[in-house]
Amino acid sequence: MLATAWLGGTGLICAAMTPCMRLYAHLGQRLAAADGVAGPYAEWIDTYGEAHFEDLTARLEALLDEHARDTAEVRWAHRRALQLEVGFFDAAASRG
């Protein structure tokens, strides 16, 4: 992410950030809708489940559409970000 932010343009940065933002907005909203959400993850759920974070995510997606062209580099950045998110959750699941 740092290399992309340092070396890439706006479209590439948006492509690298969008998968995480969209996933966290989705998870936050789903978990916030569940009854009795409390405990050590309540603050995380509150942050990512809020309408403000959904708005921020939608704005990032609009920036992606506006600034990114459909190039191999943009597709790679988006795909790599998705792979890293899957790897994060796979690692957490294997520790559980």
N, C-alpha and C. Protein backbone atom coordinates (compact mmCIF):
# COMPACT_ATOMS: atom_id res chain seq x y z
N MET A 1 0.82 -1.18 0.00
CA MET A 1 0.00 0.00 0.00
C MET A 1 0.87 1.25 0.00
N LEU A 2 1.93 1.25 0.81
CA LEU A 2 2.79 2.43 0.85
C LEU A 2 3.48 2.65 -0.49
N ALA A 3 3.96 1.58 -1.11
CA ALA A 3 4.62 1.73 -2.41
C ALA A 3 3.63 2.26 -3.45
N THR A 4 2.41 1.76 -3.41
CA THR A 4 1.39 2.23 -4.35
C THR A 4 1.09 3.71 -4.10
N ALA A 5 0.96 4.09 -2.86
CA ALA A 5 0.67 5.48 -2.52
C ALA A 5 1.84 6.39 -2.92
N TRP A 6 3.04 5.90 -2.77
CA TRP A 6 4.22 6.70 -3.07
C TRP A 6 4.43 6.84 -4.58
N LEU A 7 4.26 5.73 -5.30
CA LEU A 7 4.62 5.69 -6.72
C LEU A 7 3.44 5.77 -7.68
N GLY A 8 2.25 5.43 -7.22
CA GLY A 8 1.10 5.36 -8.12
C GLY A 8 0.32 6.66 -8.16
N GLY A 9 -0.50 6.78 -9.17
CA GLY A 9 -1.38 7.93 -9.28
C GLY A 9 -2.67 7.70 -8.51
N THR A 10 -3.56 8.65 -8.61
CA THR A 10 -4.82 8.60 -7.88
C THR A 10 -5.63 7.34 -8.20
N GLY A 11 -5.73 7.00 -9.48
CA GLY A 11 -6.50 5.82 -9.87
C GLY A 11 -5.94 4.54 -9.30
N LEU A 12 -4.63 4.41 -9.32
CA LEU A 12 -3.99 3.20 -8.79
C LEU A 12 -4.16 3.11 -7.27
N ILE A 13 -4.03 4.23 -6.60
CA ILE A 13 -4.23 4.26 -5.15
C ILE A 13 -5.66 3.86 -4.80
N CYS A 14 -6.62 4.39 -5.53
CA CYS A 14 -8.03 4.04 -5.29
C CYS A 14 -8.27 2.55 -5.54
N ALA A 15 -7.65 2.01 -6.58
CA ALA A 15 -7.80 0.58 -6.89
C ALA A 15 -7.26 -0.27 -5.76
N ALA A 16 -6.17 0.16 -5.15
CA ALA A 16 -5.57 -0.61 -4.06
C ALA A 16 -6.35 -0.48 -2.75
N MET A 17 -7.04 0.63 -2.55
CA MET A 17 -7.76 0.86 -1.30
C MET A 17 -9.20 0.34 -1.31
N THR A 18 -9.82 0.29 -2.47
CA THR A 18 -11.24 -0.02 -2.56
C THR A 18 -11.63 -1.37 -1.97
N PRO A 19 -10.90 -2.46 -2.23
CA PRO A 19 -11.35 -3.75 -1.68
C PRO A 19 -11.47 -3.75 -0.15
N CYS A 20 -10.51 -3.19 0.53
CA CYS A 20 -10.55 -3.17 2.00
C CYS A 20 -11.70 -2.30 2.48
N MET A 21 -11.83 -1.13 1.91
CA MET A 21 -12.89 -0.23 2.35
C MET A 21 -14.27 -0.85 2.13
N ARG A 22 -14.49 -1.43 0.96
CA ARG A 22 -15.80 -2.02 0.67
C ARG A 22 -16.07 -3.20 1.60
N LEU A 23 -15.06 -4.04 1.81
CA LEU A 23 -15.23 -5.20 2.69
C LEU A 23 -15.54 -4.76 4.12
N TYR A 24 -14.80 -3.79 4.64
CA TYR A 24 -15.01 -3.36 6.01
C TYR A 24 -16.36 -2.67 6.17
N ALA A 25 -16.77 -1.90 5.17
CA ALA A 25 -18.10 -1.28 5.23
C ALA A 25 -19.18 -2.37 5.27
N HIS A 26 -19.03 -3.38 4.43
CA HIS A 26 -20.00 -4.47 4.39
C HIS A 26 -20.05 -5.21 5.73
N LEU A 27 -18.89 -5.59 6.23
CA LEU A 27 -18.84 -6.32 7.50
C LEU A 27 -19.37 -5.47 8.65
N GLY A 28 -18.96 -4.22 8.70
CA GLY A 28 -19.42 -3.34 9.77
C GLY A 28 -20.93 -3.18 9.77
N GLN A 29 -21.52 -3.00 8.59
CA GLN A 29 -22.97 -2.85 8.50
C GLN A 29 -23.69 -4.13 8.91
N ARG A 30 -23.19 -5.26 8.45
CA ARG A 30 -23.84 -6.53 8.80
C ARG A 30 -23.75 -6.81 10.29
N LEU A 31 -22.59 -6.58 10.87
CA LEU A 31 -22.42 -6.83 12.30
C LEU A 31 -23.18 -5.82 13.14
N ALA A 32 -23.25 -4.57 12.70
CA ALA A 32 -24.00 -3.55 13.44
C ALA A 32 -25.49 -3.86 13.45
N ALA A 33 -25.96 -4.52 12.39
CA ALA A 33 -27.38 -4.85 12.31
C ALA A 33 -27.75 -6.01 13.24
N ALA A 34 -26.74 -6.76 13.71
CA ALA A 34 -27.00 -7.88 14.62
C ALA A 34 -27.37 -7.35 16.01
N ASP A 35 -28.23 -8.05 16.67
CA ASP A 35 -28.63 -7.66 18.02
C ASP A 35 -27.53 -7.97 19.03
N GLY A 36 -27.40 -7.11 20.01
CA GLY A 36 -26.51 -7.38 21.13
C GLY A 36 -25.03 -7.31 20.81
N VAL A 37 -24.63 -6.45 19.87
CA VAL A 37 -23.22 -6.33 19.54
C VAL A 37 -22.52 -5.58 20.66
N ALA A 38 -21.58 -6.24 21.28
CA ALA A 38 -20.80 -5.65 22.36
C ALA A 38 -19.49 -6.39 22.43
N GLY A 39 -18.70 -6.05 23.39
CA GLY A 39 -17.45 -6.75 23.59
C GLY A 39 -16.27 -6.04 22.95
N PRO A 40 -15.20 -6.77 22.76
CA PRO A 40 -13.95 -6.14 22.32
C PRO A 40 -13.99 -5.55 20.92
N TYR A 41 -14.95 -5.94 20.09
CA TYR A 41 -15.02 -5.45 18.72
C TYR A 41 -16.10 -4.40 18.51
N ALA A 42 -16.76 -3.98 19.56
CA ALA A 42 -17.86 -3.03 19.44
C ALA A 42 -17.41 -1.71 18.80
N GLU A 43 -16.25 -1.21 19.18
CA GLU A 43 -15.77 0.05 18.61
C GLU A 43 -15.48 -0.11 17.11
N TRP A 44 -14.88 -1.24 16.73
CA TRP A 44 -14.61 -1.51 15.32
C TRP A 44 -15.92 -1.56 14.53
N ILE A 45 -16.90 -2.27 15.07
CA ILE A 45 -18.20 -2.40 14.41
C ILE A 45 -18.88 -1.04 14.29
N ASP A 46 -18.82 -0.25 15.35
CA ASP A 46 -19.41 1.09 15.31
C ASP A 46 -18.75 1.95 14.23
N THR A 47 -17.44 1.89 14.14
CA THR A 47 -16.71 2.70 13.16
C THR A 47 -17.08 2.32 11.73
N TYR A 48 -17.00 1.03 11.42
CA TYR A 48 -17.19 0.59 10.04
C TYR A 48 -18.65 0.35 9.69
N GLY A 49 -19.52 0.33 10.66
CA GLY A 49 -20.94 0.14 10.40
C GLY A 49 -21.71 1.43 10.22
N GLU A 50 -21.07 2.55 10.49
CA GLU A 50 -21.75 3.84 10.41
C GLU A 50 -22.00 4.26 8.96
N ALA A 51 -23.04 5.04 8.77
CA ALA A 51 -23.37 5.57 7.45
C ALA A 51 -22.22 6.43 6.91
N HIS A 52 -21.51 7.11 7.79
CA HIS A 52 -20.39 7.95 7.36
C HIS A 52 -19.32 7.11 6.65
N PHE A 53 -19.03 5.92 7.18
CA PHE A 53 -18.02 5.09 6.54
C PHE A 53 -18.52 4.56 5.20
N GLU A 54 -19.80 4.24 5.10
CA GLU A 54 -20.38 3.83 3.81
C GLU A 54 -20.26 4.96 2.80
N ASP A 55 -20.54 6.19 3.24
CA ASP A 55 -20.41 7.35 2.36
C ASP A 55 -18.96 7.52 1.89
N LEU A 56 -18.03 7.35 2.80
CA LEU A 56 -16.61 7.45 2.46
C LEU A 56 -16.21 6.37 1.45
N THR A 57 -16.70 5.18 1.66
CA THR A 57 -16.41 4.07 0.75
C THR A 57 -17.00 4.33 -0.63
N ALA A 58 -18.22 4.82 -0.68
CA ALA A 58 -18.84 5.15 -1.96
C ALA A 58 -18.08 6.25 -2.67
N ARG A 59 -17.58 7.22 -1.92
CA ARG A 59 -16.78 8.29 -2.53
C ARG A 59 -15.48 7.73 -3.11
N LEU A 60 -14.84 6.82 -2.41
CA LEU A 60 -13.63 6.19 -2.92
C LEU A 60 -13.92 5.43 -4.21
N GLU A 61 -15.04 4.72 -4.25
CA GLU A 61 -15.43 4.00 -5.46
C GLU A 61 -15.69 4.97 -6.62
N ALA A 62 -16.28 6.11 -6.32
CA ALA A 62 -16.51 7.13 -7.35
C ALA A 62 -15.18 7.68 -7.87
N LEU A 63 -14.23 7.88 -6.96
CA LEU A 63 -12.90 8.33 -7.37
C LEU A 63 -12.20 7.28 -8.23
N LEU A 64 -12.39 6.02 -7.88
CA LEU A 64 -11.83 4.94 -8.69
C LEU A 64 -12.40 5.01 -10.11
N ASP A 65 -13.71 5.14 -10.21
CA ASP A 65 -14.35 5.23 -11.53
C ASP A 65 -13.87 6.46 -12.30
N GLU A 66 -13.65 7.53 -11.59
CA GLU A 66 -13.27 8.79 -12.22
C GLU A 66 -11.81 8.82 -12.67
N HIS A 67 -10.92 8.24 -11.87
CA HIS A 67 -9.49 8.41 -12.10
C HIS A 67 -8.75 7.19 -12.63
N ALA A 68 -9.33 6.02 -12.49
CA ALA A 68 -8.61 4.81 -12.91
C ALA A 68 -9.06 4.38 -14.30
N ARG A 69 -8.10 4.03 -15.09
CA ARG A 69 -8.41 3.43 -16.39
C ARG A 69 -8.28 1.92 -16.23
N ASP A 70 -8.94 1.19 -17.08
CA ASP A 70 -8.90 -0.28 -17.03
C ASP A 70 -7.60 -0.75 -17.66
N THR A 71 -6.56 -0.77 -16.81
CA THR A 71 -5.24 -1.20 -17.26
C THR A 71 -4.80 -2.42 -16.45
N ALA A 72 -3.80 -3.10 -16.94
CA ALA A 72 -3.27 -4.26 -16.22
C ALA A 72 -2.76 -3.85 -14.84
N GLU A 73 -2.15 -2.68 -14.74
CA GLU A 73 -1.61 -2.22 -13.46
C GLU A 73 -2.73 -1.97 -12.45
N VAL A 74 -3.81 -1.35 -12.87
CA VAL A 74 -4.95 -1.08 -11.98
C VAL A 74 -5.62 -2.39 -11.58
N ARG A 75 -5.82 -3.29 -12.54
CA ARG A 75 -6.42 -4.59 -12.21
C ARG A 75 -5.54 -5.36 -11.24
N TRP A 76 -4.22 -5.30 -11.43
CA TRP A 76 -3.30 -6.01 -10.54
C TRP A 76 -3.39 -5.44 -9.12
N ALA A 77 -3.41 -4.11 -8.99
CA ALA A 77 -3.47 -3.49 -7.66
C ALA A 77 -4.76 -3.89 -6.94
N HIS A 78 -5.86 -3.89 -7.66
CA HIS A 78 -7.15 -4.26 -7.07
C HIS A 78 -7.14 -5.74 -6.67
N ARG A 79 -6.67 -6.58 -7.57
CA ARG A 79 -6.63 -8.02 -7.29
C ARG A 79 -5.69 -8.33 -6.12
N ARG A 80 -4.53 -7.66 -6.07
CA ARG A 80 -3.58 -7.89 -4.99
C ARG A 80 -4.18 -7.47 -3.64
N ALA A 81 -4.90 -6.36 -3.63
CA ALA A 81 -5.55 -5.92 -2.39
C ALA A 81 -6.58 -6.96 -1.95
N LEU A 82 -7.33 -7.51 -2.89
CA LEU A 82 -8.29 -8.57 -2.55
C LEU A 82 -7.58 -9.79 -1.98
N GLN A 83 -6.48 -10.17 -2.60
CA GLN A 83 -5.71 -11.33 -2.11
C GLN A 83 -5.20 -11.10 -0.69
N LEU A 84 -4.75 -9.90 -0.40
CA LEU A 84 -4.26 -9.59 0.94
C LEU A 84 -5.39 -9.64 1.97
N GLU A 85 -6.57 -9.17 1.61
CA GLU A 85 -7.71 -9.27 2.52
C GLU A 85 -8.08 -10.73 2.79
N VAL A 86 -8.12 -11.53 1.75
CA VAL A 86 -8.41 -12.96 1.92
C VAL A 86 -7.34 -13.60 2.81
N GLY A 87 -6.08 -13.27 2.56
CA GLY A 87 -4.99 -13.80 3.38
C GLY A 87 -5.12 -13.41 4.84
N PHE A 88 -5.53 -12.18 5.09
CA PHE A 88 -5.72 -11.72 6.47
C PHE A 88 -6.77 -12.56 7.17
N PHE A 89 -7.90 -12.76 6.54
CA PHE A 89 -8.98 -13.51 7.16
C PHE A 89 -8.67 -15.00 7.23
N ASP A 90 -7.96 -15.53 6.25
CA ASP A 90 -7.52 -16.92 6.32
C ASP A 90 -6.58 -17.15 7.50
N ALA A 91 -5.66 -16.22 7.70
CA ALA A 91 -4.73 -16.33 8.82
C ALA A 91 -5.47 -16.28 10.15
N ALA A 92 -6.44 -15.39 10.26
CA ALA A 92 -7.21 -15.30 11.49
C ALA A 92 -8.02 -16.58 11.73
N ALA A 93 -8.58 -17.13 10.66
CA ALA A 93 -9.39 -18.35 10.80
C ALA A 93 -8.52 -19.54 11.19
N SER A 94 -7.30 -19.60 10.69
CA SER A 94 -6.45 -20.74 11.00
C SER A 94 -5.89 -20.68 12.42
N ARG A 95 -5.92 -19.50 13.03
CA ARG A 95 -5.45 -19.35 14.42
C ARG A 95 -6.57 -19.68 15.40
N GLY A 96 -7.82 -19.61 14.92
CA GLY A 96 -8.98 -19.77 15.79
C GLY A 96 -9.19 -21.17 16.15
